[in-house]
Amino acid sequence: MKLSIKHIGLISGLLSVILSSLFYARKQEIYQSLLIGGLLVSSIFFMAILFTKGTTKSKVTWTLVILFSIAFQWLTEPFLTGSSYHIFLKRNEKELMIINNILINKPSDISIFNNIINDRNDLLSKSEKDDLLKLRHKINVYFIEKTDDEIYYELWGFLDLRIGICYWIKNEKPDSLYHNLADRWYLHLSNN
């Protein structure tokens, strides 16, 4: 079977959709661009395959390719999305541990958003605050919140949708709403 531009365009769009999940946790803008762009490109080229000159056998074959791609994407999405969280943790391991070491022994809640640190009990020194702001910017998280149970890192948020991970502070494991990523790193399933 000879591949034309419309077939290559369809395959490219499908691959874009599938691979978008690798950017879910660490680069939400790239994830959305690949997903939406891939859906648009594959839809346009699939319509071109269906409504232009071609054999019925070819049209059925490319419809089966679409169905196979949907099933493949559905099966691989959890693995690829999980991999995006692991990539984020690995790439930012040093910075995350520095942040955790600063916050972990502070006895009250602390939150960091943009260039504002909410430290009601004045537990952080000036240098700790400066370090936390620099590190938050460096790892490109929107929000960091330390509670008695966890240190939460919001990787992306819009309205009521939140994507983030948390570092579990307590010795006892969290409840079933949390999914372990690695060591003490968890996804809070109600937030993701």
N, C-alpha and C. Protein backbone atom coordinates (compact mmCIF):
# COMPACT_ATOMS: atom_id res chain seq x y z
N MET A 1 0.85 -1.18 0.00
CA MET A 1 0.00 0.00 0.00
C MET A 1 0.89 1.24 0.00
N LYS A 2 0.66 2.09 -0.97
CA LYS A 2 1.44 3.32 -1.10
C LYS A 2 0.85 4.39 -0.19
N LEU A 3 1.73 5.05 0.58
CA LEU A 3 1.28 6.11 1.48
C LEU A 3 1.33 7.46 0.77
N SER A 4 0.23 8.18 0.86
CA SER A 4 0.18 9.52 0.29
C SER A 4 0.28 10.53 1.43
N ILE A 5 0.22 11.80 1.09
CA ILE A 5 0.28 12.88 2.08
C ILE A 5 -0.82 12.72 3.13
N LYS A 6 -2.04 12.38 2.69
CA LYS A 6 -3.15 12.27 3.63
C LYS A 6 -2.93 11.12 4.62
N HIS A 7 -2.29 10.04 4.17
CA HIS A 7 -2.01 8.91 5.06
C HIS A 7 -0.91 9.27 6.06
N ILE A 8 0.10 9.92 5.57
CA ILE A 8 1.20 10.35 6.46
C ILE A 8 0.69 11.39 7.46
N GLY A 9 -0.18 12.30 7.01
CA GLY A 9 -0.79 13.29 7.90
C GLY A 9 -1.63 12.62 8.99
N LEU A 10 -2.40 11.61 8.62
CA LEU A 10 -3.23 10.88 9.58
C LEU A 10 -2.35 10.19 10.63
N ILE A 11 -1.32 9.50 10.16
CA ILE A 11 -0.42 8.80 11.08
C ILE A 11 0.29 9.79 12.00
N SER A 12 0.72 10.92 11.46
CA SER A 12 1.38 11.95 12.29
C SER A 12 0.43 12.48 13.36
N GLY A 13 -0.80 12.75 12.99
CA GLY A 13 -1.79 13.23 13.95
C GLY A 13 -2.05 12.21 15.04
N LEU A 14 -2.17 10.95 14.68
CA LEU A 14 -2.41 9.89 15.66
C LEU A 14 -1.23 9.73 16.62
N LEU A 15 -0.02 9.78 16.07
CA LEU A 15 1.17 9.70 16.93
C LEU A 15 1.25 10.88 17.88
N SER A 16 0.87 12.05 17.41
CA SER A 16 0.87 13.25 18.26
C SER A 16 -0.08 13.07 19.44
N VAL A 17 -1.26 12.54 19.19
CA VAL A 17 -2.23 12.29 20.26
C VAL A 17 -1.67 11.30 21.27
N ILE A 18 -1.11 10.21 20.78
CA ILE A 18 -0.59 9.17 21.68
C ILE A 18 0.58 9.69 22.51
N LEU A 19 1.51 10.38 21.88
CA LEU A 19 2.71 10.85 22.58
C LEU A 19 2.45 12.06 23.48
N SER A 20 1.31 12.71 23.31
CA SER A 20 1.00 13.88 24.13
C SER A 20 1.01 13.55 25.62
N SER A 21 0.62 12.34 25.98
CA SER A 21 0.54 11.94 27.39
C SER A 21 1.89 12.00 28.09
N LEU A 22 2.98 11.91 27.34
CA LEU A 22 4.32 12.01 27.95
C LEU A 22 4.59 13.39 28.54
N PHE A 23 3.79 14.39 28.15
CA PHE A 23 3.98 15.76 28.63
C PHE A 23 2.90 16.18 29.63
N TYR A 24 2.00 15.29 29.99
CA TYR A 24 0.86 15.61 30.83
C TYR A 24 1.24 16.30 32.13
N ALA A 25 2.17 15.75 32.87
CA ALA A 25 2.50 16.29 34.20
C ALA A 25 3.56 17.37 34.16
N ARG A 26 4.40 17.39 33.16
CA ARG A 26 5.54 18.30 33.23
C ARG A 26 5.45 19.51 32.32
N LYS A 27 4.74 19.41 31.22
CA LYS A 27 4.61 20.53 30.28
C LYS A 27 3.19 20.53 29.72
N GLN A 28 2.25 21.03 30.50
CA GLN A 28 0.84 20.98 30.15
C GLN A 28 0.56 21.69 28.82
N GLU A 29 1.30 22.77 28.53
CA GLU A 29 1.09 23.50 27.27
C GLU A 29 1.43 22.61 26.07
N ILE A 30 2.54 21.87 26.18
CA ILE A 30 2.93 20.97 25.10
C ILE A 30 1.92 19.83 24.99
N TYR A 31 1.50 19.29 26.13
CA TYR A 31 0.49 18.22 26.14
C TYR A 31 -0.76 18.66 25.39
N GLN A 32 -1.29 19.83 25.75
CA GLN A 32 -2.51 20.31 25.12
C GLN A 32 -2.32 20.58 23.63
N SER A 33 -1.19 21.16 23.28
CA SER A 33 -0.92 21.44 21.86
C SER A 33 -0.83 20.16 21.04
N LEU A 34 -0.09 19.17 21.56
CA LEU A 34 0.03 17.90 20.84
C LEU A 34 -1.31 17.18 20.74
N LEU A 35 -2.06 17.19 21.84
CA LEU A 35 -3.35 16.50 21.85
C LEU A 35 -4.35 17.16 20.90
N ILE A 36 -4.56 18.45 21.06
CA ILE A 36 -5.55 19.15 20.23
C ILE A 36 -5.09 19.20 18.77
N GLY A 37 -3.81 19.52 18.58
CA GLY A 37 -3.28 19.54 17.22
C GLY A 37 -3.37 18.18 16.55
N GLY A 38 -3.01 17.13 17.29
CA GLY A 38 -3.08 15.77 16.75
C GLY A 38 -4.50 15.36 16.40
N LEU A 39 -5.45 15.72 17.26
CA LEU A 39 -6.85 15.40 16.98
C LEU A 39 -7.33 16.13 15.73
N LEU A 40 -6.98 17.41 15.61
CA LEU A 40 -7.39 18.18 14.42
C LEU A 40 -6.76 17.64 13.14
N VAL A 41 -5.45 17.42 13.20
CA VAL A 41 -4.73 16.93 12.01
C VAL A 41 -5.26 15.56 11.58
N SER A 42 -5.38 14.65 12.55
CA SER A 42 -5.85 13.31 12.18
C SER A 42 -7.30 13.35 11.69
N SER A 43 -8.13 14.20 12.26
CA SER A 43 -9.52 14.31 11.80
C SER A 43 -9.59 14.83 10.37
N ILE A 44 -8.82 15.86 10.10
CA ILE A 44 -8.82 16.45 8.75
C ILE A 44 -8.35 15.43 7.71
N PHE A 45 -7.23 14.76 8.01
CA PHE A 45 -6.71 13.80 7.04
C PHE A 45 -7.57 12.55 6.94
N PHE A 46 -8.22 12.16 8.03
CA PHE A 46 -9.14 11.01 7.96
C PHE A 46 -10.35 11.36 7.09
N MET A 47 -10.86 12.57 7.24
CA MET A 47 -11.97 13.01 6.38
C MET A 47 -11.53 13.05 4.92
N ALA A 48 -10.30 13.49 4.69
CA ALA A 48 -9.78 13.51 3.32
C ALA A 48 -9.70 12.09 2.75
N ILE A 49 -9.32 11.12 3.58
CA ILE A 49 -9.26 9.73 3.12
C ILE A 49 -10.66 9.22 2.80
N LEU A 50 -11.62 9.52 3.68
CA LEU A 50 -12.98 9.01 3.50
C LEU A 50 -13.71 9.64 2.32
N PHE A 51 -13.51 10.94 2.10
CA PHE A 51 -14.34 11.65 1.13
C PHE A 51 -13.62 12.00 -0.18
N THR A 52 -12.46 11.47 -0.39
CA THR A 52 -11.80 11.64 -1.68
C THR A 52 -11.75 10.30 -2.39
N LYS A 53 -11.24 10.35 -3.59
CA LYS A 53 -11.17 9.14 -4.40
C LYS A 53 -10.30 8.10 -3.72
N GLY A 54 -10.77 6.89 -3.70
CA GLY A 54 -10.04 5.78 -3.11
C GLY A 54 -10.91 4.55 -3.07
N THR A 55 -10.30 3.42 -2.89
CA THR A 55 -11.06 2.17 -2.86
C THR A 55 -11.74 2.00 -1.51
N THR A 56 -12.80 1.23 -1.51
CA THR A 56 -13.52 0.93 -0.27
C THR A 56 -12.59 0.17 0.68
N LYS A 57 -11.80 -0.72 0.14
CA LYS A 57 -10.85 -1.49 0.95
C LYS A 57 -9.88 -0.56 1.68
N SER A 58 -9.38 0.44 0.97
CA SER A 58 -8.45 1.41 1.57
C SER A 58 -9.14 2.20 2.68
N LYS A 59 -10.38 2.62 2.44
CA LYS A 59 -11.11 3.39 3.44
C LYS A 59 -11.39 2.56 4.69
N VAL A 60 -11.73 1.29 4.51
CA VAL A 60 -11.95 0.39 5.65
C VAL A 60 -10.65 0.16 6.40
N THR A 61 -9.56 -0.02 5.66
CA THR A 61 -8.26 -0.24 6.29
C THR A 61 -7.88 0.95 7.17
N TRP A 62 -8.05 2.17 6.66
CA TRP A 62 -7.68 3.35 7.44
C TRP A 62 -8.64 3.61 8.59
N THR A 63 -9.89 3.18 8.45
CA THR A 63 -10.83 3.24 9.58
C THR A 63 -10.37 2.28 10.68
N LEU A 64 -9.90 1.10 10.28
CA LEU A 64 -9.36 0.15 11.26
C LEU A 64 -8.09 0.69 11.93
N VAL A 65 -7.28 1.42 11.17
CA VAL A 65 -6.09 2.05 11.75
C VAL A 65 -6.51 3.04 12.83
N ILE A 66 -7.54 3.82 12.55
CA ILE A 66 -8.05 4.78 13.55
C ILE A 66 -8.53 4.04 14.79
N LEU A 67 -9.33 2.99 14.61
CA LEU A 67 -9.85 2.23 15.75
C LEU A 67 -8.73 1.58 16.55
N PHE A 68 -7.73 1.04 15.87
CA PHE A 68 -6.58 0.46 16.55
C PHE A 68 -5.83 1.54 17.34
N SER A 69 -5.68 2.71 16.74
CA SER A 69 -4.98 3.81 17.42
C SER A 69 -5.72 4.27 18.66
N ILE A 70 -7.04 4.32 18.60
CA ILE A 70 -7.84 4.71 19.76
C ILE A 70 -7.63 3.69 20.88
N ALA A 71 -7.69 2.41 20.54
CA ALA A 71 -7.48 1.36 21.55
C ALA A 71 -6.06 1.42 22.11
N PHE A 72 -5.09 1.62 21.24
CA PHE A 72 -3.69 1.70 21.68
C PHE A 72 -3.47 2.90 22.60
N GLN A 73 -4.07 4.04 22.25
CA GLN A 73 -3.94 5.23 23.08
C GLN A 73 -4.59 5.01 24.44
N TRP A 74 -5.75 4.40 24.45
CA TRP A 74 -6.48 4.11 25.69
C TRP A 74 -5.66 3.18 26.59
N LEU A 75 -5.00 2.19 26.00
CA LEU A 75 -4.20 1.25 26.78
C LEU A 75 -2.88 1.84 27.28
N THR A 76 -2.26 2.70 26.49
CA THR A 76 -0.94 3.23 26.86
C THR A 76 -1.00 4.53 27.65
N GLU A 77 -2.14 5.21 27.64
CA GLU A 77 -2.23 6.51 28.31
C GLU A 77 -1.84 6.46 29.79
N PRO A 78 -2.32 5.49 30.60
CA PRO A 78 -1.91 5.47 32.01
C PRO A 78 -0.39 5.33 32.18
N PHE A 79 0.22 4.49 31.37
CA PHE A 79 1.68 4.31 31.45
C PHE A 79 2.42 5.58 31.05
N LEU A 80 2.00 6.19 29.93
CA LEU A 80 2.69 7.40 29.45
C LEU A 80 2.47 8.58 30.40
N THR A 81 1.27 8.70 30.94
CA THR A 81 1.00 9.77 31.91
C THR A 81 1.83 9.56 33.17
N GLY A 82 1.88 8.33 33.66
CA GLY A 82 2.72 8.02 34.82
C GLY A 82 4.18 8.32 34.54
N SER A 83 4.61 8.02 33.32
CA SER A 83 6.00 8.32 32.94
C SER A 83 6.27 9.81 32.98
N SER A 84 5.28 10.62 32.63
CA SER A 84 5.49 12.07 32.65
C SER A 84 5.74 12.56 34.08
N TYR A 85 5.04 11.97 35.07
CA TYR A 85 5.29 12.32 36.47
C TYR A 85 6.69 11.88 36.89
N HIS A 86 7.09 10.68 36.48
CA HIS A 86 8.42 10.18 36.83
C HIS A 86 9.53 11.03 36.20
N ILE A 87 9.31 11.47 34.98
CA ILE A 87 10.29 12.34 34.32
C ILE A 87 10.41 13.65 35.09
N PHE A 88 9.27 14.22 35.50
CA PHE A 88 9.30 15.45 36.29
C PHE A 88 10.10 15.25 37.57
N LEU A 89 9.83 14.16 38.29
CA LEU A 89 10.54 13.89 39.54
C LEU A 89 12.04 13.72 39.31
N LYS A 90 12.40 12.99 38.29
CA LYS A 90 13.83 12.73 38.01
C LYS A 90 14.55 14.02 37.60
N ARG A 91 13.94 14.80 36.74
CA ARG A 91 14.58 16.04 36.26
C ARG A 91 14.74 17.08 37.36
N ASN A 92 13.88 17.04 38.35
CA ASN A 92 13.89 18.07 39.40
C ASN A 92 14.22 17.50 40.77
N GLU A 93 14.84 16.35 40.80
CA GLU A 93 15.10 15.64 42.05
C GLU A 93 15.85 16.49 43.08
N LYS A 94 16.91 17.13 42.66
CA LYS A 94 17.73 17.93 43.58
C LYS A 94 16.93 19.11 44.15
N GLU A 95 16.25 19.85 43.29
CA GLU A 95 15.50 21.02 43.72
C GLU A 95 14.34 20.63 44.64
N LEU A 96 13.64 19.53 44.30
CA LEU A 96 12.53 19.07 45.12
C LEU A 96 13.00 18.67 46.52
N MET A 97 14.14 18.02 46.60
CA MET A 97 14.65 17.61 47.91
C MET A 97 15.08 18.82 48.74
N ILE A 98 15.62 19.84 48.11
CA ILE A 98 15.98 21.06 48.84
C ILE A 98 14.72 21.72 49.40
N ILE A 99 13.69 21.83 48.57
CA ILE A 99 12.42 22.42 49.04
C ILE A 99 11.86 21.59 50.19
N ASN A 100 11.82 20.28 50.00
CA ASN A 100 11.29 19.40 51.06
C ASN A 100 12.08 19.56 52.35
N ASN A 101 13.40 19.63 52.26
CA ASN A 101 14.24 19.77 53.46
C ASN A 101 13.99 21.09 54.19
N ILE A 102 13.69 22.13 53.44
CA ILE A 102 13.39 23.42 54.07
C ILE A 102 12.04 23.36 54.79
N LEU A 103 11.04 22.76 54.15
CA LEU A 103 9.67 22.81 54.66
C LEU A 103 9.29 21.70 55.63
N ILE A 104 9.93 20.57 55.53
CA ILE A 104 9.45 19.36 56.22
C ILE A 104 9.34 19.50 57.74
N ASN A 105 10.23 20.20 58.37
CA ASN A 105 10.21 20.30 59.83
C ASN A 105 9.54 21.57 60.35
N LYS A 106 8.95 22.34 59.46
CA LYS A 106 8.22 23.53 59.91
C LYS A 106 6.86 23.07 60.45
N PRO A 107 6.50 23.47 61.68
CA PRO A 107 5.32 22.91 62.33
C PRO A 107 3.97 23.47 61.87
N SER A 108 3.94 24.43 60.99
CA SER A 108 2.64 24.94 60.57
C SER A 108 2.55 24.98 59.05
N ASP A 109 1.36 25.29 58.56
CA ASP A 109 1.12 25.34 57.12
C ASP A 109 1.86 26.52 56.47
N ILE A 110 2.42 26.24 55.31
CA ILE A 110 3.12 27.26 54.53
C ILE A 110 2.71 27.07 53.08
N SER A 111 2.45 28.17 52.38
CA SER A 111 2.12 28.07 50.97
C SER A 111 2.95 29.08 50.16
N ILE A 112 3.24 28.68 48.93
CA ILE A 112 4.04 29.51 48.04
C ILE A 112 3.30 29.60 46.71
N PHE A 113 2.96 30.82 46.32
CA PHE A 113 2.27 31.06 45.06
C PHE A 113 2.89 32.27 44.40
N ASN A 114 3.30 32.10 43.14
CA ASN A 114 4.03 33.15 42.43
C ASN A 114 5.20 33.62 43.29
N ASN A 115 5.23 34.89 43.64
CA ASN A 115 6.33 35.41 44.47
C ASN A 115 5.87 35.73 45.89
N ILE A 116 4.82 35.03 46.32
CA ILE A 116 4.26 35.27 47.65
C ILE A 116 4.39 34.01 48.49
N ILE A 117 4.93 34.16 49.67
CA ILE A 117 5.02 33.05 50.62
C ILE A 117 4.12 33.38 51.80
N ASN A 118 3.19 32.49 52.06
CA ASN A 118 2.29 32.65 53.19
C ASN A 118 2.86 31.81 54.35
N ASP A 119 3.52 32.50 55.26
CA ASP A 119 4.19 31.88 56.41
C ASP A 119 3.68 32.62 57.66
N ARG A 120 2.47 32.26 58.10
CA ARG A 120 1.79 33.01 59.16
C ARG A 120 2.58 33.07 60.46
N ASN A 121 3.31 32.02 60.78
CA ASN A 121 4.05 31.98 62.05
C ASN A 121 5.50 32.43 61.92
N ASP A 122 5.85 32.97 60.77
CA ASP A 122 7.21 33.47 60.54
C ASP A 122 8.29 32.44 60.86
N LEU A 123 8.14 31.24 60.30
CA LEU A 123 9.07 30.14 60.56
C LEU A 123 10.25 30.12 59.60
N LEU A 124 10.09 30.79 58.47
CA LEU A 124 11.14 30.77 57.45
C LEU A 124 12.05 31.99 57.57
N SER A 125 13.33 31.73 57.39
CA SER A 125 14.28 32.85 57.38
C SER A 125 14.21 33.54 56.01
N LYS A 126 14.81 34.69 55.91
CA LYS A 126 14.85 35.44 54.65
C LYS A 126 15.54 34.61 53.56
N SER A 127 16.65 33.97 53.89
CA SER A 127 17.36 33.17 52.89
C SER A 127 16.53 31.94 52.47
N GLU A 128 15.79 31.33 53.40
CA GLU A 128 14.93 30.21 53.05
C GLU A 128 13.82 30.66 52.10
N LYS A 129 13.25 31.81 52.39
CA LYS A 129 12.21 32.34 51.52
C LYS A 129 12.74 32.62 50.12
N ASP A 130 13.92 33.24 50.06
CA ASP A 130 14.54 33.52 48.76
C ASP A 130 14.81 32.23 48.00
N ASP A 131 15.35 31.22 48.70
CA ASP A 131 15.63 29.93 48.06
C ASP A 131 14.35 29.27 47.56
N LEU A 132 13.31 29.30 48.36
CA LEU A 132 12.05 28.68 47.97
C LEU A 132 11.44 29.33 46.73
N LEU A 133 11.50 30.64 46.67
CA LEU A 133 10.97 31.34 45.50
C LEU A 133 11.77 31.01 44.24
N LYS A 134 13.09 30.99 44.37
CA LYS A 134 13.94 30.65 43.22
C LYS A 134 13.69 29.22 42.76
N LEU A 135 13.59 28.30 43.71
CA LEU A 135 13.40 26.89 43.38
C LEU A 135 12.01 26.65 42.78
N ARG A 136 10.97 27.31 43.30
CA ARG A 136 9.64 27.17 42.73
C ARG A 136 9.63 27.59 41.28
N HIS A 137 10.31 28.69 41.01
CA HIS A 137 10.41 29.18 39.63
C HIS A 137 11.23 28.20 38.77
N LYS A 138 12.32 27.70 39.31
CA LYS A 138 13.20 26.82 38.53
C LYS A 138 12.51 25.52 38.13
N ILE A 139 11.73 24.92 39.04
CA ILE A 139 11.05 23.66 38.70
C ILE A 139 9.71 23.91 38.00
N ASN A 140 9.33 25.18 37.88
CA ASN A 140 8.15 25.58 37.12
C ASN A 140 6.86 24.95 37.65
N VAL A 141 6.64 25.10 38.97
CA VAL A 141 5.36 24.69 39.55
C VAL A 141 4.57 25.94 39.90
N TYR A 142 3.25 25.82 39.89
CA TYR A 142 2.40 26.98 40.12
C TYR A 142 2.22 27.28 41.60
N PHE A 143 2.23 26.25 42.40
CA PHE A 143 1.86 26.41 43.80
C PHE A 143 2.53 25.31 44.61
N ILE A 144 3.01 25.65 45.79
CA ILE A 144 3.55 24.67 46.73
C ILE A 144 2.85 24.92 48.06
N GLU A 145 2.39 23.84 48.66
CA GLU A 145 1.73 23.97 49.96
C GLU A 145 2.21 22.88 50.89
N LYS A 146 2.66 23.29 52.07
CA LYS A 146 3.10 22.36 53.10
C LYS A 146 2.03 22.30 54.17
N THR A 147 1.54 21.08 54.47
CA THR A 147 0.60 20.86 55.56
C THR A 147 1.24 19.87 56.53
N ASP A 148 0.50 19.46 57.53
CA ASP A 148 1.03 18.47 58.47
C ASP A 148 1.28 17.12 57.82
N ASP A 149 0.53 16.81 56.75
CA ASP A 149 0.62 15.50 56.11
C ASP A 149 1.55 15.46 54.90
N GLU A 150 1.61 16.55 54.15
CA GLU A 150 2.27 16.49 52.84
C GLU A 150 2.82 17.84 52.42
N ILE A 151 3.68 17.76 51.39
CA ILE A 151 4.11 18.95 50.66
C ILE A 151 3.57 18.76 49.25
N TYR A 152 2.63 19.61 48.89
CA TYR A 152 1.92 19.48 47.62
C TYR A 152 2.53 20.42 46.58
N TYR A 153 2.79 19.88 45.39
CA TYR A 153 3.33 20.66 44.27
C TYR A 153 2.28 20.66 43.15
N GLU A 154 1.71 21.82 42.89
CA GLU A 154 0.75 21.92 41.81
C GLU A 154 1.50 22.19 40.51
N LEU A 155 1.41 21.24 39.59
CA LEU A 155 2.11 21.35 38.33
C LEU A 155 1.33 22.16 37.30
N TRP A 156 0.02 22.13 37.44
CA TRP A 156 -0.84 22.88 36.53
C TRP A 156 -2.21 23.00 37.16
N GLY A 157 -2.88 24.09 36.92
CA GLY A 157 -4.22 24.26 37.44
C GLY A 157 -5.02 25.23 36.61
N PHE A 158 -6.29 24.93 36.46
CA PHE A 158 -7.21 25.82 35.76
C PHE A 158 -8.59 25.59 36.33
N LEU A 159 -9.20 26.66 36.83
CA LEU A 159 -10.50 26.59 37.50
C LEU A 159 -10.46 25.51 38.58
N ASP A 160 -11.25 24.44 38.44
CA ASP A 160 -11.27 23.42 39.49
C ASP A 160 -10.46 22.18 39.13
N LEU A 161 -9.71 22.23 38.05
CA LEU A 161 -8.86 21.11 37.66
C LEU A 161 -7.45 21.36 38.16
N ARG A 162 -6.91 20.41 38.90
CA ARG A 162 -5.56 20.53 39.46
C ARG A 162 -4.75 19.30 39.11
N ILE A 163 -3.53 19.51 38.66
CA ILE A 163 -2.61 18.42 38.40
C ILE A 163 -1.41 18.65 39.30
N GLY A 164 -1.11 17.69 40.13
CA GLY A 164 0.00 17.87 41.05
C GLY A 164 0.42 16.57 41.71
N ILE A 165 1.51 16.68 42.43
CA ILE A 165 2.05 15.55 43.18
C ILE A 165 2.29 16.00 44.60
N CYS A 166 2.44 15.03 45.50
CA CYS A 166 2.75 15.41 46.87
C CYS A 166 3.82 14.50 47.45
N TYR A 167 4.57 15.09 48.33
CA TYR A 167 5.58 14.37 49.09
C TYR A 167 4.96 14.10 50.45
N TRP A 168 4.77 12.84 50.79
CA TRP A 168 4.10 12.44 52.02
C TRP A 168 5.07 12.53 53.20
N ILE A 169 4.71 13.31 54.20
CA ILE A 169 5.59 13.58 55.34
C ILE A 169 5.45 12.52 56.43
N LYS A 170 4.23 12.14 56.70
CA LYS A 170 3.97 11.22 57.82
C LYS A 170 4.54 9.82 57.55
N ASN A 171 4.81 9.09 58.64
CA ASN A 171 5.33 7.73 58.50
C ASN A 171 4.28 6.73 58.03
N GLU A 172 3.03 6.88 58.51
CA GLU A 172 1.99 5.97 58.04
C GLU A 172 1.57 6.37 56.63
N LYS A 173 1.26 5.35 55.84
CA LYS A 173 0.93 5.60 54.43
C LYS A 173 -0.42 6.31 54.32
N PRO A 174 -0.58 7.08 53.25
CA PRO A 174 -1.86 7.78 53.05
C PRO A 174 -2.97 6.79 52.66
N ASP A 175 -4.20 7.28 52.66
CA ASP A 175 -5.34 6.42 52.33
C ASP A 175 -5.38 6.12 50.82
N SER A 176 -6.43 5.45 50.42
CA SER A 176 -6.54 4.97 49.04
C SER A 176 -6.77 6.07 48.01
N LEU A 177 -6.98 7.30 48.46
CA LEU A 177 -7.09 8.41 47.51
C LEU A 177 -5.74 8.81 46.92
N TYR A 178 -4.68 8.23 47.47
CA TYR A 178 -3.33 8.53 47.01
C TYR A 178 -2.76 7.33 46.26
N HIS A 179 -2.04 7.62 45.18
CA HIS A 179 -1.39 6.58 44.39
C HIS A 179 0.11 6.82 44.43
N ASN A 180 0.85 5.81 44.87
CA ASN A 180 2.30 5.95 45.01
C ASN A 180 2.99 6.03 43.66
N LEU A 181 3.86 7.03 43.51
CA LEU A 181 4.68 7.17 42.31
C LEU A 181 6.08 6.60 42.54
N ALA A 182 6.70 7.02 43.64
CA ALA A 182 8.05 6.57 44.00
C ALA A 182 8.34 7.03 45.41
N ASP A 183 8.96 6.15 46.20
CA ASP A 183 9.31 6.47 47.58
C ASP A 183 8.13 7.14 48.29
N ARG A 184 8.30 8.40 48.68
CA ARG A 184 7.24 9.13 49.38
C ARG A 184 6.43 10.05 48.47
N TRP A 185 6.61 9.91 47.17
CA TRP A 185 5.91 10.75 46.20
C TRP A 185 4.60 10.08 45.79
N TYR A 186 3.51 10.88 45.82
CA TYR A 186 2.18 10.36 45.54
C TYR A 186 1.40 11.30 44.64
N LEU A 187 0.42 10.70 43.96
CA LEU A 187 -0.63 11.46 43.29
C LEU A 187 -1.82 11.44 44.21
N HIS A 188 -2.45 12.59 44.39
CA HIS A 188 -3.71 12.62 45.14
C HIS A 188 -4.80 12.47 44.09
N LEU A 189 -5.43 11.30 44.04
CA LEU A 189 -6.31 10.96 42.92
C LEU A 189 -7.53 11.84 42.79
N SER A 190 -7.99 12.46 43.86
CA SER A 190 -9.15 13.34 43.73
C SER A 190 -8.77 14.67 43.09
N ASN A 191 -7.48 14.99 43.08
CA ASN A 191 -7.02 16.25 42.48
C ASN A 191 -6.51 16.08 41.06
N ASN A 192 -6.19 14.88 40.63
CA ASN A 192 -5.58 14.65 39.31
C ASN A 192 -6.53 13.97 38.36
